[in-house]
Amino acid sequence: MLRDNGPGIAPAALLRIFEPLFTTKNSGVGLGLPTVGQIVELHGGTIDAESAPGEARPSRVWLPRASAPRPEAGAASQLA
């Protein structure tokens, strides 16, 4: 879970924060959160954010747990 100490995000803006080129900042380009969202999704995960004006709330990144790689067939006999 990620938590910041910012001023919060207005409800209308919260609906758009993962849209490319959307920003509420004067100097931003709006690529940060869309890029993070795409990377998380490519790894089979999800990301969500909660916010309200004047409050810092958590954002969550969910990623699947990686399973251990399976040994190749015959690998056990090669170890003996």
PDB file of N, CA and C in Angstrom:
ATOM      1  N   MET A   1       0.852  -1.161   0.000  1.00  0.00           N
ATOM      2  CA  MET A   1       0.000   0.000   0.000  1.00  0.00           C
ATOM      3  C   MET A   1       0.902   1.230   0.000  1.00  0.00           C
ATOM      4  N   LEU A   2       0.525   2.193  -0.794  1.00  0.00           N
ATOM      5  CA  LEU A   2       1.242   3.460  -0.880  1.00  0.00           C
ATOM      6  C   LEU A   2       0.359   4.546  -0.298  1.00  0.00           C
ATOM      7  N   ARG A   3       0.960   5.431   0.451  1.00  0.00           N
ATOM      8  CA  ARG A   3       0.200   6.540   1.012  1.00  0.00           C
ATOM      9  C   ARG A   3       1.062   7.797   0.879  1.00  0.00           C
ATOM     10  N   ASP A   4       0.436   8.857   0.430  1.00  0.00           N
ATOM     11  CA  ASP A   4       1.172  10.119   0.338  1.00  0.00           C
ATOM     12  C   ASP A   4       0.595  11.131   1.315  1.00  0.00           C
ATOM     13  N   ASN A   5       1.208  12.280   1.364  1.00  0.00           N
ATOM     14  CA  ASN A   5       0.729  13.320   2.269  1.00  0.00           C
ATOM     15  C   ASN A   5       0.239  14.542   1.488  1.00  0.00           C
ATOM     16  N   GLY A   6      -0.223  14.289   0.264  1.00  0.00           N
ATOM     17  CA  GLY A   6      -0.690  15.374  -0.592  1.00  0.00           C
ATOM     18  C   GLY A   6      -2.071  15.870  -0.206  1.00  0.00           C
ATOM     19  N   PRO A   7      -2.594  16.805  -0.972  1.00  0.00           N
ATOM     20  CA  PRO A   7      -3.883  17.430  -0.656  1.00  0.00           C
ATOM     21  C   PRO A   7      -5.104  16.612  -1.064  1.00  0.00           C
ATOM     22  N   GLY A   8      -4.902  15.448  -1.656  1.00  0.00           N
ATOM     23  CA  GLY A   8      -6.029  14.645  -2.118  1.00  0.00           C
ATOM     24  C   GLY A   8      -6.396  14.992  -3.545  1.00  0.00           C
ATOM     25  N   ILE A   9      -7.297  14.208  -4.107  1.00  0.00           N
ATOM     26  CA  ILE A   9      -7.700  14.368  -5.507  1.00  0.00           C
ATOM     27  C   ILE A   9      -9.212  14.532  -5.548  1.00  0.00           C
ATOM     28  N   ALA A  10      -9.674  15.503  -6.291  1.00  0.00           N
ATOM     29  CA  ALA A  10     -11.108  15.728  -6.443  1.00  0.00           C
ATOM     30  C   ALA A  10     -11.754  14.506  -7.111  1.00  0.00           C
ATOM     31  N   PRO A  11     -12.989  14.176  -6.762  1.00  0.00           N
ATOM     32  CA  PRO A  11     -13.654  12.999  -7.330  1.00  0.00           C
ATOM     33  C   PRO A  11     -13.669  12.967  -8.865  1.00  0.00           C
ATOM     34  N   ALA A  12     -13.910  14.086  -9.512  1.00  0.00           N
ATOM     35  CA  ALA A  12     -13.931  14.117 -10.983  1.00  0.00           C
ATOM     36  C   ALA A  12     -12.557  13.796 -11.561  1.00  0.00           C
ATOM     37  N   ALA A  13     -11.511  14.286 -10.922  1.00  0.00           N
ATOM     38  CA  ALA A  13     -10.156  14.015 -11.396  1.00  0.00           C
ATOM     39  C   ALA A  13      -9.757  12.572 -11.108  1.00  0.00           C
ATOM     40  N   LEU A  14     -10.211  12.025  -9.989  1.00  0.00           N
ATOM     41  CA  LEU A  14      -9.870  10.650  -9.615  1.00  0.00           C
ATOM     42  C   LEU A  14     -10.324   9.660 -10.686  1.00  0.00           C
ATOM     43  N   LEU A  15     -11.423   9.943 -11.343  1.00  0.00           N
ATOM     44  CA  LEU A  15     -11.928   9.069 -12.405  1.00  0.00           C
ATOM     45  C   LEU A  15     -11.009   9.048 -13.626  1.00  0.00           C
ATOM     46  N   ARG A  16     -10.143  10.042 -13.736  1.00  0.00           N
ATOM     47  CA  ARG A  16      -9.325  10.181 -14.947  1.00  0.00           C
ATOM     48  C   ARG A  16      -7.828  10.008 -14.724  1.00  0.00           C
ATOM     49  N   ILE A  17      -7.381   9.726 -13.519  1.00  0.00           N
ATOM     50  CA  ILE A  17      -5.941   9.772 -13.237  1.00  0.00           C
ATOM     51  C   ILE A  17      -5.107   8.757 -14.019  1.00  0.00           C
ATOM     52  N   PHE A  18      -5.731   7.710 -14.535  1.00  0.00           N
ATOM     53  CA  PHE A  18      -4.974   6.733 -15.323  1.00  0.00           C
ATOM     54  C   PHE A  18      -5.108   6.965 -16.826  1.00  0.00           C
ATOM     55  N   GLU A  19      -5.732   8.062 -17.230  1.00  0.00           N
ATOM     56  CA  GLU A  19      -5.826   8.428 -18.647  1.00  0.00           C
ATOM     57  C   GLU A  19      -4.527   9.103 -19.085  1.00  0.00           C
ATOM     58  N   PRO A  20      -3.942   8.656 -20.199  1.00  0.00           N
ATOM     59  CA  PRO A  20      -2.743   9.336 -20.696  1.00  0.00           C
ATOM     60  C   PRO A  20      -3.019  10.811 -20.969  1.00  0.00           C
ATOM     61  N   LEU A  21      -2.084  11.640 -20.606  1.00  0.00           N
ATOM     62  CA  LEU A  21      -2.064  13.085 -20.815  1.00  0.00           C
ATOM     63  C   LEU A  21      -3.008  13.865 -19.903  1.00  0.00           C
ATOM     64  N   PHE A  22      -3.685  13.195 -18.975  1.00  0.00           N
ATOM     65  CA  PHE A  22      -4.507  13.922 -18.003  1.00  0.00           C
ATOM     66  C   PHE A  22      -3.612  14.347 -16.852  1.00  0.00           C
ATOM     67  N   THR A  23      -3.690  15.616 -16.488  1.00  0.00           N
ATOM     68  CA  THR A  23      -2.923  16.118 -15.351  1.00  0.00           C
ATOM     69  C   THR A  23      -3.684  17.253 -14.692  1.00  0.00           C
ATOM     70  N   THR A  24      -3.432  17.420 -13.425  1.00  0.00           N
ATOM     71  CA  THR A  24      -3.994  18.554 -12.687  1.00  0.00           C
ATOM     72  C   THR A  24      -2.906  19.562 -12.353  1.00  0.00           C
ATOM     73  N   LYS A  25      -1.694  19.295 -12.837  1.00  0.00           N
ATOM     74  CA  LYS A  25      -0.555  20.166 -12.528  1.00  0.00           C
ATOM     75  C   LYS A  25      -0.237  21.078 -13.711  1.00  0.00           C
ATOM     76  N   ASN A  26       0.303  22.229 -13.402  1.00  0.00           N
ATOM     77  CA  ASN A  26       0.674  23.179 -14.452  1.00  0.00           C
ATOM     78  C   ASN A  26       1.848  22.696 -15.289  1.00  0.00           C
ATOM     79  N   SER A  27       2.756  21.928 -14.687  1.00  0.00           N
ATOM     80  CA  SER A  27       3.948  21.510 -15.414  1.00  0.00           C
ATOM     81  C   SER A  27       3.969  20.019 -15.723  1.00  0.00           C
ATOM     82  N   GLY A  28       2.912  19.299 -15.416  1.00  0.00           N
ATOM     83  CA  GLY A  28       2.892  17.861 -15.661  1.00  0.00           C
ATOM     84  C   GLY A  28       2.504  17.529 -17.090  1.00  0.00           C
ATOM     85  N   VAL A  29       2.870  16.299 -17.502  1.00  0.00           N
ATOM     86  CA  VAL A  29       2.484  15.842 -18.835  1.00  0.00           C
ATOM     87  C   VAL A  29       1.456  14.712 -18.771  1.00  0.00           C
ATOM     88  N   GLY A  30       1.175  14.196 -17.596  1.00  0.00           N
ATOM     89  CA  GLY A  30       0.139  13.194 -17.440  1.00  0.00           C
ATOM     90  C   GLY A  30       0.498  11.805 -17.912  1.00  0.00           C
ATOM     91  N   LEU A  31       1.758  11.432 -17.773  1.00  0.00           N
ATOM     92  CA  LEU A  31       2.166  10.096 -18.209  1.00  0.00           C
ATOM     93  C   LEU A  31       2.584   9.188 -17.060  1.00  0.00           C
ATOM     94  N   GLY A  32       2.762   9.709 -15.873  1.00  0.00           N
ATOM     95  CA  GLY A  32       3.252   8.914 -14.750  1.00  0.00           C
ATOM     96  C   GLY A  32       2.320   7.781 -14.356  1.00  0.00           C
ATOM     97  N   LEU A  33       1.112   8.091 -13.938  1.00  0.00           N
ATOM     98  CA  LEU A  33       0.185   7.055 -13.495  1.00  0.00           C
ATOM     99  C   LEU A  33      -0.272   6.144 -14.630  1.00  0.00           C
ATOM    100  N   PRO A  34      -0.523   6.658 -15.848  1.00  0.00           N
ATOM    101  CA  PRO A  34      -0.851   5.729 -16.928  1.00  0.00           C
ATOM    102  C   PRO A  34       0.278   4.730 -17.202  1.00  0.00           C
ATOM    103  N   THR A  35       1.523   5.179 -17.107  1.00  0.00           N
ATOM    104  CA  THR A  35       2.661   4.287 -17.319  1.00  0.00           C
ATOM    105  C   THR A  35       2.730   3.232 -16.218  1.00  0.00           C
ATOM    106  N   VAL A  36       2.588   3.665 -14.966  1.00  0.00           N
ATOM    107  CA  VAL A  36       2.584   2.719 -13.849  1.00  0.00           C
ATOM    108  C   VAL A  36       1.446   1.717 -14.011  1.00  0.00           C
ATOM    109  N   GLY A  37       0.265   2.197 -14.345  1.00  0.00           N
ATOM    110  CA  GLY A  37      -0.876   1.310 -14.523  1.00  0.00           C
ATOM    111  C   GLY A  37      -0.633   0.265 -15.604  1.00  0.00           C
ATOM    112  N   GLN A  38      -0.028   0.674 -16.703  1.00  0.00           N
ATOM    113  CA  GLN A  38       0.247  -0.257 -17.793  1.00  0.00           C
ATOM    114  C   GLN A  38       1.278  -1.301 -17.370  1.00  0.00           C
ATOM    115  N   ILE A  39       2.315  -0.894 -16.665  1.00  0.00           N
ATOM    116  CA  ILE A  39       3.334  -1.839 -16.200  1.00  0.00           C
ATOM    117  C   ILE A  39       2.722  -2.853 -15.241  1.00  0.00           C
ATOM    118  N   VAL A  40       1.921  -2.381 -14.311  1.00  0.00           N
ATOM    119  CA  VAL A  40       1.267  -3.273 -13.351  1.00  0.00           C
ATOM    120  C   VAL A  40       0.366  -4.267 -14.089  1.00  0.00           C
ATOM    121  N   GLU A  41      -0.425  -3.797 -15.042  1.00  0.00           N
ATOM    122  CA  GLU A  41      -1.314  -4.682 -15.788  1.00  0.00           C
ATOM    123  C   GLU A  41      -0.546  -5.699 -16.613  1.00  0.00           C
ATOM    124  N   LEU A  42       0.584  -5.305 -17.200  1.00  0.00           N
ATOM    125  CA  LEU A  42       1.403  -6.238 -17.976  1.00  0.00           C
ATOM    126  C   LEU A  42       1.951  -7.365 -17.106  1.00  0.00           C
ATOM    127  N   HIS A  43       2.064  -7.121 -15.816  1.00  0.00           N
ATOM    128  CA  HIS A  43       2.527  -8.145 -14.877  1.00  0.00           C
ATOM    129  C   HIS A  43       1.363  -8.898 -14.230  1.00  0.00           C
ATOM    130  N   GLY A  44       0.151  -8.706 -14.760  1.00  0.00           N
ATOM    131  CA  GLY A  44      -1.009  -9.436 -14.265  1.00  0.00           C
ATOM    132  C   GLY A  44      -1.625  -8.852 -13.008  1.00  0.00           C
ATOM    133  N   GLY A  45      -1.303  -7.606 -12.690  1.00  0.00           N
ATOM    134  CA  GLY A  45      -1.815  -6.987 -11.475  1.00  0.00           C
ATOM    135  C   GLY A  45      -2.818  -5.891 -11.739  1.00  0.00           C
ATOM    136  N   THR A  46      -3.211  -5.236 -10.679  1.00  0.00           N
ATOM    137  CA  THR A  46      -4.125  -4.102 -10.760  1.00  0.00           C
ATOM    138  C   THR A  46      -3.616  -2.999  -9.843  1.00  0.00           C
ATOM    139  N   ILE A  47      -4.090  -1.799 -10.079  1.00  0.00           N
ATOM    140  CA  ILE A  47      -3.755  -0.654  -9.238  1.00  0.00           C
ATOM    141  C   ILE A  47      -5.038   0.137  -9.021  1.00  0.00           C
ATOM    142  N   ASP A  48      -5.238   0.605  -7.806  1.00  0.00           N
ATOM    143  CA  ASP A  48      -6.396   1.451  -7.542  1.00  0.00           C
ATOM    144  C   ASP A  48      -5.990   2.576  -6.607  1.00  0.00           C
ATOM    145  N   ALA A  49      -6.767   3.613  -6.617  1.00  0.00           N
ATOM    146  CA  ALA A  49      -6.484   4.781  -5.794  1.00  0.00           C
ATOM    147  C   ALA A  49      -7.768   5.268  -5.145  1.00  0.00           C
ATOM    148  N   GLU A  50      -7.633   5.697  -3.918  1.00  0.00           N
ATOM    149  CA  GLU A  50      -8.744   6.319  -3.193  1.00  0.00           C
ATOM    150  C   GLU A  50      -8.304   7.721  -2.828  1.00  0.00           C
ATOM    151  N   SER A  51      -9.217   8.653  -2.859  1.00  0.00           N
ATOM    152  CA  SER A  51      -8.855  10.005  -2.464  1.00  0.00           C
ATOM    153  C   SER A  51     -10.100  10.824  -2.192  1.00  0.00           C
ATOM    154  N   ALA A  52      -9.886  11.889  -1.484  1.00  0.00           N
ATOM    155  CA  ALA A  52     -10.899  12.896  -1.230  1.00  0.00           C
ATOM    156  C   ALA A  52     -10.161  14.204  -1.022  1.00  0.00           C
ATOM    157  N   PRO A  53     -10.729  15.309  -1.473  1.00  0.00           N
ATOM    158  CA  PRO A  53     -10.051  16.590  -1.287  1.00  0.00           C
ATOM    159  C   PRO A  53      -9.705  16.818   0.188  1.00  0.00           C
ATOM    160  N   GLY A  54      -8.467  17.219   0.409  1.00  0.00           N
ATOM    161  CA  GLY A  54      -8.008  17.509   1.760  1.00  0.00           C
ATOM    162  C   GLY A  54      -7.523  16.300   2.541  1.00  0.00           C
ATOM    163  N   GLU A  55      -7.578  15.114   1.955  1.00  0.00           N
ATOM    164  CA  GLU A  55      -7.151  13.899   2.642  1.00  0.00           C
ATOM    165  C   GLU A  55      -6.178  13.100   1.788  1.00  0.00           C
ATOM    166  N   ALA A  56      -5.153  12.590   2.423  1.00  0.00           N
ATOM    167  CA  ALA A  56      -4.272  11.638   1.763  1.00  0.00           C
ATOM    168  C   ALA A  56      -4.827  10.250   2.066  1.00  0.00           C
ATOM    169  N   ARG A  57      -5.055   9.468   1.052  1.00  0.00           N
ATOM    170  CA  ARG A  57      -5.594   8.118   1.223  1.00  0.00           C
ATOM    171  C   ARG A  57      -4.701   7.126   0.499  1.00  0.00           C
ATOM    172  N   PRO A  58      -4.883   5.846   0.779  1.00  0.00           N
ATOM    173  CA  PRO A  58      -3.975   4.856   0.189  1.00  0.00           C
ATOM    174  C   PRO A  58      -4.256   4.551  -1.276  1.00  0.00           C
ATOM    175  N   SER A  59      -3.211   4.157  -1.955  1.00  0.00           N
ATOM    176  CA  SER A  59      -3.298   3.570  -3.286  1.00  0.00           C
ATOM    177  C   SER A  59      -2.754   2.161  -3.144  1.00  0.00           C
ATOM    178  N   ARG A  60      -3.318   1.233  -3.875  1.00  0.00           N
ATOM    179  CA  ARG A  60      -2.890  -0.150  -3.758  1.00  0.00           C
ATOM    180  C   ARG A  60      -2.461  -0.693  -5.110  1.00  0.00           C
ATOM    181  N   VAL A  61      -1.347  -1.412  -5.089  1.00  0.00           N
ATOM    182  CA  VAL A  61      -0.865  -2.132  -6.256  1.00  0.00           C
ATOM    183  C   VAL A  61      -0.942  -3.607  -5.899  1.00  0.00           C
ATOM    184  N   TRP A  62      -1.685  -4.366  -6.689  1.00  0.00           N
ATOM    185  CA  TRP A  62      -1.829  -5.803  -6.473  1.00  0.00           C
ATOM    186  C   TRP A  62      -1.094  -6.524  -7.593  1.00  0.00           C
ATOM    187  N   LEU A  63      -0.144  -7.391  -7.222  1.00  0.00           N
ATOM    188  CA  LEU A  63       0.595  -8.188  -8.194  1.00  0.00           C
ATOM    189  C   LEU A  63       0.468  -9.654  -7.818  1.00  0.00           C
ATOM    190  N   PRO A  64       0.350 -10.533  -8.815  1.00  0.00           N
ATOM    191  CA  PRO A  64       0.271 -11.947  -8.488  1.00  0.00           C
ATOM    192  C   PRO A  64       1.610 -12.444  -7.954  1.00  0.00           C
ATOM    193  N   ARG A  65       1.536 -13.392  -7.061  1.00  0.00           N
ATOM    194  CA  ARG A  65       2.750 -13.987  -6.517  1.00  0.00           C
ATOM    195  C   ARG A  65       3.365 -14.874  -7.585  1.00  0.00           C
ATOM    196  N   ALA A  66       4.652 -14.757  -7.765  1.00  0.00           N
ATOM    197  CA  ALA A  66       5.343 -15.585  -8.752  1.00  0.00           C
ATOM    198  C   ALA A  66       5.514 -16.991  -8.194  1.00  0.00           C
ATOM    199  N   SER A  67       5.298 -17.965  -9.033  1.00  0.00           N
ATOM    200  CA  SER A  67       5.524 -19.339  -8.609  1.00  0.00           C
ATOM    201  C   SER A  67       6.951 -19.731  -8.961  1.00  0.00           C
ATOM    202  N   ALA A  68       7.478 -20.702  -8.247  1.00  0.00           N
ATOM    203  CA  ALA A  68       8.836 -21.160  -8.500  1.00  0.00           C
ATOM    204  C   ALA A  68       8.885 -21.845  -9.857  1.00  0.00           C
ATOM    205  N   PRO A  69       9.949 -21.635 -10.614  1.00  0.00           N
ATOM    206  CA  PRO A  69      10.043 -22.298 -11.913  1.00  0.00           C
ATOM    207  C   PRO A  69      10.128 -23.820 -11.736  1.00  0.00           C
ATOM    208  N   ARG A  70       9.472 -24.530 -12.627  1.00  0.00           N
ATOM    209  CA  ARG A  70       9.499 -25.989 -12.571  1.00  0.00           C
ATOM    210  C   ARG A  70      10.785 -26.491 -13.221  1.00  0.00           C
ATOM    211  N   PRO A  71      11.401 -27.502 -12.630  1.00  0.00           N
ATOM    212  CA  PRO A  71      12.609 -28.063 -13.266  1.00  0.00           C
ATOM    213  C   PRO A  71      12.247 -28.737 -14.583  1.00  0.00           C
ATOM    214  N   GLU A  72      13.153 -28.714 -15.497  1.00  0.00           N
ATOM    215  CA  GLU A  72      12.927 -29.359 -16.794  1.00  0.00           C
ATOM    216  C   GLU A  72      12.904 -30.866 -16.614  1.00  0.00           C
ATOM    217  N   ALA A  73      12.235 -31.530 -17.512  1.00  0.00           N
ATOM    218  CA  ALA A  73      12.172 -32.993 -17.469  1.00  0.00           C
ATOM    219  C   ALA A  73      13.591 -33.557 -17.536  1.00  0.00           C
ATOM    220  N   GLY A  74      13.868 -34.501 -16.660  1.00  0.00           N
ATOM    221  CA  GLY A  74      15.188 -35.134 -16.656  1.00  0.00           C
ATOM    222  C   GLY A  74      16.213 -34.383 -15.834  1.00  0.00           C
ATOM    223  N   ALA A  75      15.880 -33.211 -15.301  1.00  0.00           N
ATOM    224  CA  ALA A  75      16.849 -32.423 -14.530  1.00  0.00           C
ATOM    225  C   ALA A  75      17.254 -33.165 -13.251  1.00  0.00           C
ATOM    226  N   ALA A  76      16.312 -33.882 -12.622  1.00  0.00           N
ATOM    227  CA  ALA A  76      16.624 -34.608 -11.386  1.00  0.00           C
ATOM    228  C   ALA A  76      17.637 -35.710 -11.656  1.00  0.00           C
ATOM    229  N   SER A  77      17.520 -36.378 -12.787  1.00  0.00           N
ATOM    230  CA  SER A  77      18.460 -37.467 -13.078  1.00  0.00           C
ATOM    231  C   SER A  77      19.846 -36.925 -13.397  1.00  0.00           C
ATOM    232  N   GLN A  78      19.933 -35.687 -13.841  1.00  0.00           N
ATOM    233  CA  GLN A  78      21.221 -35.103 -14.149  1.00  0.00           C
ATOM    234  C   GLN A  78      21.975 -34.713 -12.889  1.00  0.00           C
ATOM    235  N   LEU A  79      21.241 -34.502 -11.775  1.00  0.00           N
ATOM    236  CA  LEU A  79      21.885 -34.121 -10.526  1.00  0.00           C
ATOM    237  C   LEU A  79      22.522 -35.303  -9.822  1.00  0.00           C
ATOM    238  N   ALA A  80      22.088 -36.504 -10.105  1.00  0.00           N
ATOM    239  CA  ALA A  80      22.594 -37.697  -9.409  1.00  0.00           C
ATOM    240  C   ALA A  80      23.946 -38.101  -9.909  1.00  0.00           C
TER     241      ALA A  80
END
